[in-house]
């Protein structure tokens, strides 16, 4: 039993207030700098009180970085990656938990081991696959001799190619695999009682119907919690969109476009416009977290887990 006392309560509240200040201080400085003029933002020491130029700086940042199309690109990519991660994670966890085959734990641990391989480590082979997504299929056909056989019989040379560079599928598909989502879904699916599975079978439900009509509604809080995490992570993705796209005017994202707001070393140090642009870029994930906070907390601390 935890004993409460005024001293420990005061210490706990003090630690939480200190942590809150440390978290909010960068946001406050960004907001203050984004509301100041160039003279105010460059003065030393910096004034930590907001000024009256916020709307002006927001408009300047929006126009200079062309944030309208870039916001749409980021929303499409983040939404596509989030939906893909949820679908793939739920289906893979469903197969591992509810299908009794010998290699299911081997498959799970192979998926789980990919947590040790972030995108930065596998960036070169991933880029090579994105340059030609059908290259593995072509390699299988060449090794097995199928392509040679087809060329011998029909005179047609099999050359499969699917270039994902400078495309939305190329920005989305390499990021949809998630070991974290598979692990979260597996842990939840393991709490489903066997009686519910048996009752579903007695009612004549097949695997897909059981998955769609029983498991998906029960895992709604887990799904929304995972969606919150994955949307924010995908929105802030920088390295992969930077590598996969050369047509930045068409496929650039807002995080990539933030570079266009950084003042030129030989130009005006208008950091106020840069900070205003950062406010615009961070607003969508902040809104998602604020709107999904209740479901996010439920999905992480649910007693059913």
Protein backbone atom coordinates (compact mmCIF):
# COMPACT_ATOMS: atom_id res chain seq x y z
CA UNK A 1 0.00 0.00 0.00
CA UNK A 2 1.32 3.43 -0.96
CA UNK A 3 1.45 5.89 1.91
CA UNK A 4 0.57 9.45 1.00
CA UNK A 5 1.91 12.47 2.83
CA UNK A 6 1.92 16.23 2.11
CA UNK A 7 5.70 16.22 1.62
CA UNK A 8 5.69 13.42 -0.95
CA UNK A 9 2.68 14.98 -2.69
CA UNK A 10 4.50 18.30 -2.93
CA UNK A 11 7.61 16.60 -4.32
CA UNK A 12 5.54 14.65 -6.88
CA UNK A 13 3.71 17.76 -8.04
CA UNK A 14 6.98 19.67 -8.21
CA UNK A 15 8.58 16.98 -10.41
CA UNK A 16 5.53 16.91 -12.69
CA UNK A 17 5.46 20.70 -12.99
CA UNK A 18 9.19 20.74 -13.78
CA UNK A 19 8.70 18.07 -16.44
CA UNK A 20 5.78 20.00 -17.92
CA UNK A 21 7.88 23.16 -18.11
CA UNK A 22 10.73 21.30 -19.81
CA UNK A 23 8.31 19.88 -22.39
CA UNK A 24 6.44 23.13 -23.06
CA UNK A 25 9.45 25.48 -23.08
CA UNK A 26 10.55 24.64 -26.68
CA UNK A 27 6.96 25.07 -27.91
CA UNK A 28 6.67 28.38 -26.11
CA UNK A 29 9.96 29.67 -27.57
CA UNK A 30 8.84 28.59 -31.05
CA UNK A 31 5.50 30.35 -30.63
CA UNK A 32 7.11 33.50 -29.25
CA UNK A 33 9.74 33.66 -32.01
CA UNK A 34 7.06 33.05 -34.63
CA UNK A 35 5.08 36.04 -33.40
CA UNK A 36 7.96 38.54 -33.39
CA UNK A 37 9.47 40.78 -36.03
CA UNK A 38 12.96 40.23 -37.39
CA UNK A 39 14.33 42.94 -35.09
CA UNK A 40 12.75 41.34 -32.04
CA UNK A 41 13.76 37.77 -32.84
CA UNK A 42 17.42 38.68 -33.37
CA UNK A 43 17.87 40.71 -30.21
CA UNK A 44 20.01 39.30 -27.40
CA UNK A 45 18.79 38.13 -24.96
CA UNK A 46 15.65 36.88 -26.63
CA UNK A 47 12.35 38.30 -25.45
CA UNK A 48 10.17 35.47 -24.12
CA UNK A 49 6.92 37.38 -24.55
CA UNK A 50 4.87 37.06 -27.76
CA UNK A 51 4.51 39.96 -30.16
CA UNK A 52 1.87 40.92 -32.71
CA UNK A 53 3.37 39.60 -36.00
CA UNK A 54 2.16 35.99 -35.82
CA UNK A 55 -0.36 36.09 -38.67
CA UNK A 56 2.09 38.00 -40.86
CA UNK A 57 4.83 35.44 -40.25
CA UNK A 58 2.46 32.51 -40.79
CA UNK A 59 1.44 33.92 -44.17
CA UNK A 60 5.06 34.54 -45.15
CA UNK A 61 6.05 30.98 -44.19
CA UNK A 62 3.06 29.49 -46.00
CA UNK A 63 3.87 31.35 -49.23
CA UNK A 64 7.65 30.96 -49.15
CA UNK A 65 7.63 27.19 -48.59
CA UNK A 66 4.49 26.50 -50.64
CA UNK A 67 3.09 24.57 -47.69
CA UNK A 68 -0.38 23.96 -49.17
CA UNK A 69 0.54 21.08 -51.55
CA UNK A 70 3.21 19.85 -49.15
CA UNK A 71 0.67 19.58 -46.32
CA UNK A 72 -1.54 17.50 -48.61
CA UNK A 73 1.38 15.23 -49.52
CA UNK A 74 2.30 14.74 -45.88
CA UNK A 75 -1.32 13.97 -44.98
CA UNK A 76 -1.62 11.41 -47.79
CA UNK A 77 1.66 9.73 -46.89
CA UNK A 78 1.00 9.71 -43.13
CA UNK A 79 -2.55 8.41 -43.60
CA UNK A 80 -1.44 5.75 -46.08
CA UNK A 81 1.38 4.55 -43.83
CA UNK A 82 -0.90 4.52 -40.77
CA UNK A 83 -3.64 2.53 -42.50
CA UNK A 84 -1.10 0.14 -44.00
CA UNK A 85 0.59 -0.46 -40.66
CA UNK A 86 -2.72 -1.16 -38.91
CA UNK A 87 -3.96 -3.55 -41.61
CA UNK A 88 -0.68 -5.42 -41.91
CA UNK A 89 -0.06 -5.60 -38.15
CA UNK A 90 -3.57 -6.83 -37.35
CA UNK A 91 -3.54 -9.48 -40.08
CA UNK A 92 -0.07 -10.76 -39.16
CA UNK A 93 -0.96 -10.92 -35.45
CA UNK A 94 -4.24 -12.64 -36.32
CA UNK A 95 -2.38 -15.31 -38.28
CA UNK A 96 0.20 -15.83 -35.51
CA UNK A 97 -2.34 -16.14 -32.69
CA UNK A 98 -5.31 -17.93 -34.22
CA UNK A 99 -3.72 -20.20 -36.85
CA UNK A 100 -1.96 -23.24 -35.46
CA UNK A 101 1.02 -23.87 -37.72
CA UNK A 102 4.47 -24.98 -36.65
CA UNK A 103 6.46 -21.96 -37.76
CA UNK A 104 4.19 -19.31 -36.27
CA UNK A 105 6.52 -18.46 -33.36
CA UNK A 106 9.46 -18.43 -35.74
CA UNK A 107 7.57 -15.95 -37.90
CA UNK A 108 6.72 -13.84 -34.87
CA UNK A 109 10.30 -13.65 -33.65
CA UNK A 110 11.56 -12.89 -37.14
CA UNK A 111 9.08 -9.99 -37.28
CA UNK A 112 10.02 -8.91 -33.77
CA UNK A 113 13.73 -8.94 -34.59
CA UNK A 114 13.16 -6.27 -37.24
CA UNK A 115 12.87 -3.80 -34.34
CA UNK A 116 16.66 -3.92 -34.28
CA UNK A 117 16.80 -2.89 -37.95
CA UNK A 118 15.63 0.71 -38.30
CA UNK A 119 15.11 2.28 -41.69
CA UNK A 120 18.51 3.97 -41.58
CA UNK A 121 20.26 0.57 -41.41
CA UNK A 122 18.34 -1.01 -44.31
CA UNK A 123 18.15 2.16 -46.39
CA UNK A 124 20.33 0.92 -49.30
CA UNK A 125 18.52 -2.40 -49.99
CA UNK A 126 15.16 -0.70 -49.44
CA UNK A 127 16.06 1.95 -52.01
CA UNK A 128 17.21 -0.73 -54.44
CA UNK A 129 13.88 -2.53 -54.08
CA UNK A 130 11.96 0.74 -54.48
CA UNK A 131 13.84 1.43 -57.70
CA UNK A 132 12.46 -1.86 -59.03
CA UNK A 133 9.87 -3.48 -56.76
CA UNK A 134 9.68 -6.55 -59.00
CA UNK A 135 13.40 -7.22 -58.84
CA UNK A 136 13.00 -10.10 -56.30
CA UNK A 137 10.42 -11.75 -58.58
CA UNK A 138 12.74 -11.33 -61.55
CA UNK A 139 15.59 -12.88 -59.55
CA UNK A 140 13.42 -15.91 -58.66
CA UNK A 141 12.44 -16.37 -62.29
CA UNK A 142 16.10 -16.17 -63.37
CA UNK A 143 17.38 -18.56 -60.70
CA UNK A 144 14.68 -21.17 -61.30
CA UNK A 145 15.15 -20.95 -65.07
CA UNK A 146 11.55 -19.95 -65.74
CA UNK A 147 12.56 -16.79 -67.59
CA UNK A 148 14.97 -18.81 -69.77
CA UNK A 149 12.27 -21.38 -70.48
CA UNK A 150 9.76 -18.71 -71.48
CA UNK A 151 12.31 -17.04 -73.73
CA UNK A 152 13.16 -20.37 -75.36
CA UNK A 153 9.55 -21.38 -75.96
CA UNK A 154 8.03 -18.04 -76.91
CA UNK A 155 11.00 -15.88 -77.80
CA UNK A 156 9.86 -13.26 -75.28
CA UNK A 157 12.41 -12.05 -72.77
CA UNK A 158 10.88 -11.61 -69.32
CA UNK A 159 11.99 -8.31 -67.77
CA UNK A 160 9.83 -7.24 -64.84
CA UNK A 161 10.16 -3.68 -63.58
CA UNK A 162 8.11 -1.47 -61.28
CA UNK A 163 9.77 1.82 -60.38
CA UNK A 164 8.45 3.32 -57.14
CA UNK A 165 10.69 6.39 -57.12
CA UNK A 166 8.87 9.72 -57.18
CA UNK A 167 5.52 8.16 -56.34
CA UNK A 168 3.15 7.92 -53.40
CA UNK A 169 3.37 4.09 -53.26
CA UNK A 170 7.14 4.42 -53.03
CA UNK A 171 6.83 6.79 -50.09
CA UNK A 172 4.24 4.61 -48.33
CA UNK A 173 4.82 0.90 -48.99
CA UNK A 174 8.39 0.55 -47.58
CA UNK A 175 7.17 2.02 -44.27
CA UNK A 176 4.03 -0.05 -43.65
CA UNK A 177 5.73 -3.01 -41.96
CA UNK A 178 5.69 -2.58 -38.19
CA UNK A 179 6.95 -5.04 -35.60
CA UNK A 180 5.61 -2.81 -32.83
CA UNK A 181 2.07 -2.94 -34.18
CA UNK A 182 2.25 -6.71 -34.65
CA UNK A 183 3.45 -7.12 -31.07
CA UNK A 184 0.67 -4.91 -29.65
CA UNK A 185 -2.03 -6.72 -31.62
CA UNK A 186 -0.61 -10.12 -30.68
CA UNK A 187 -0.64 -9.25 -26.99
CA UNK A 188 -4.28 -8.15 -27.25
CA UNK A 189 -5.43 -11.10 -29.35
CA UNK A 190 -3.92 -13.48 -26.78
CA UNK A 191 -6.38 -12.12 -24.20
CA UNK A 192 -9.37 -13.17 -26.32
CA UNK A 193 -11.03 -16.10 -24.50
CA UNK A 194 -11.14 -19.45 -26.28
CA UNK A 195 -14.87 -19.63 -25.58
CA UNK A 196 -15.43 -16.63 -27.85
CA UNK A 197 -13.53 -18.33 -30.66
CA UNK A 198 -15.48 -21.56 -30.20
CA UNK A 199 -18.80 -19.69 -30.09
CA UNK A 200 -17.91 -17.92 -33.32
CA UNK A 201 -17.11 -21.24 -34.99
CA UNK A 202 -20.42 -22.71 -33.79
CA UNK A 203 -22.25 -19.76 -35.35
CA UNK A 204 -20.65 -20.60 -38.67
CA UNK A 205 -18.14 -17.74 -38.81
CA UNK A 206 -15.12 -18.24 -40.97
CA UNK A 207 -11.70 -16.79 -40.13
CA UNK A 208 -12.18 -13.54 -42.00
CA UNK A 209 -15.68 -13.00 -40.63
CA UNK A 210 -14.43 -13.66 -37.10
CA UNK A 211 -11.58 -11.22 -37.69
CA UNK A 212 -13.81 -8.50 -39.14
CA UNK A 213 -16.91 -8.79 -36.94
CA UNK A 214 -15.37 -9.83 -33.61
CA UNK A 215 -11.69 -8.94 -33.33
CA UNK A 216 -11.74 -5.57 -35.08
CA UNK A 217 -14.53 -4.08 -32.88
CA UNK A 218 -12.86 -5.44 -29.74
CA UNK A 219 -9.48 -3.98 -30.69
CA UNK A 220 -10.78 -0.49 -31.50
CA UNK A 221 -8.90 1.20 -28.63
CA UNK A 222 -5.67 -0.59 -29.58
CA UNK A 223 -6.19 0.41 -33.18
CA UNK A 224 -6.70 4.08 -32.35
CA UNK A 225 -3.71 4.14 -29.99
CA UNK A 226 -1.51 2.56 -32.66
CA UNK A 227 -2.91 4.92 -35.31
CA UNK A 228 -1.98 7.93 -33.16
CA UNK A 229 1.60 6.79 -32.74
CA UNK A 230 2.04 5.81 -36.37
CA UNK A 231 0.48 8.98 -37.79
CA UNK A 232 2.79 11.23 -35.77
CA UNK A 233 5.81 9.09 -36.66
CA UNK A 234 4.90 9.06 -40.36
CA UNK A 235 4.22 12.81 -40.42
CA UNK A 236 7.69 13.48 -39.00
CA UNK A 237 9.40 11.08 -41.42
CA UNK A 238 12.24 12.90 -43.17
CA UNK A 239 14.95 10.55 -44.43
CA UNK A 240 12.91 8.20 -46.60
CA UNK A 241 10.84 10.85 -48.44
CA UNK A 242 14.06 12.79 -49.01
CA UNK A 243 15.73 9.78 -50.65
CA UNK A 244 12.77 8.42 -52.60
CA UNK A 245 11.85 11.71 -54.29
CA UNK A 246 13.77 13.90 -56.69
CA UNK A 247 10.68 15.78 -57.86
CA UNK A 248 10.36 17.78 -54.64
CA UNK A 249 7.92 20.26 -56.17
CA UNK A 250 5.35 17.47 -56.67
CA UNK A 251 6.10 14.92 -53.95
CA UNK A 252 7.81 16.99 -51.25
CA UNK A 253 6.51 16.82 -47.68
CA UNK A 254 6.28 19.61 -45.12
CA UNK A 255 9.12 18.25 -43.00
CA UNK A 256 11.37 18.29 -46.06
CA UNK A 257 10.09 21.74 -46.99
CA UNK A 258 11.10 23.17 -43.62
CA UNK A 259 14.60 23.50 -45.08
CA UNK A 260 13.26 26.14 -47.47
CA UNK A 261 12.40 28.31 -44.46
CA UNK A 262 15.88 28.28 -42.94
CA UNK A 263 17.48 31.69 -43.49
CA UNK A 264 20.28 31.88 -46.03
CA UNK A 265 23.70 32.55 -44.42
CA UNK A 266 24.12 35.60 -46.63
CA UNK A 267 20.52 36.81 -46.28
CA UNK A 268 18.27 38.16 -43.57
CA UNK A 269 18.19 36.06 -40.37
CA UNK A 270 14.39 35.93 -40.40
CA UNK A 271 14.06 33.11 -37.89
CA UNK A 272 10.62 34.42 -37.04
CA UNK A 273 9.32 33.13 -40.38
CA UNK A 274 11.09 29.79 -39.83
CA UNK A 275 9.48 29.38 -36.40
CA UNK A 276 6.08 30.33 -37.80
CA UNK A 277 6.50 27.61 -40.44
CA UNK A 278 7.46 25.13 -37.71
CA UNK A 279 4.21 26.01 -35.92
CA UNK A 280 2.21 25.21 -39.06
CA UNK A 281 4.06 21.92 -39.59
CA UNK A 282 3.63 20.71 -36.01
CA UNK A 283 -0.06 21.65 -35.81
CA UNK A 284 -1.59 18.51 -37.51
CA UNK A 285 0.17 15.92 -35.30
CA UNK A 286 -0.63 18.01 -32.22
CA UNK A 287 -4.30 18.07 -33.21
CA UNK A 288 -4.28 14.31 -33.80
CA UNK A 289 -2.74 13.66 -30.38
CA UNK A 290 -5.17 16.07 -28.69
CA UNK A 291 -8.23 14.54 -30.37
CA UNK A 292 -7.10 10.95 -29.86
CA UNK A 293 -5.70 11.37 -26.36
CA UNK A 294 -8.54 9.56 -24.60
CA UNK A 295 -8.39 6.57 -26.94
CA UNK A 296 -4.59 6.62 -26.88
CA UNK A 297 -4.50 6.33 -23.08
CA UNK A 298 -7.20 3.64 -23.09
CA UNK A 299 -5.29 1.60 -25.63
CA UNK A 300 -2.11 1.69 -23.56
CA UNK A 301 -3.49 1.09 -20.06
CA UNK A 302 -6.53 -1.06 -20.80
CA UNK A 303 -7.09 -3.59 -18.04
CA UNK A 304 -7.86 -6.24 -20.62
CA UNK A 305 -4.20 -6.38 -21.62
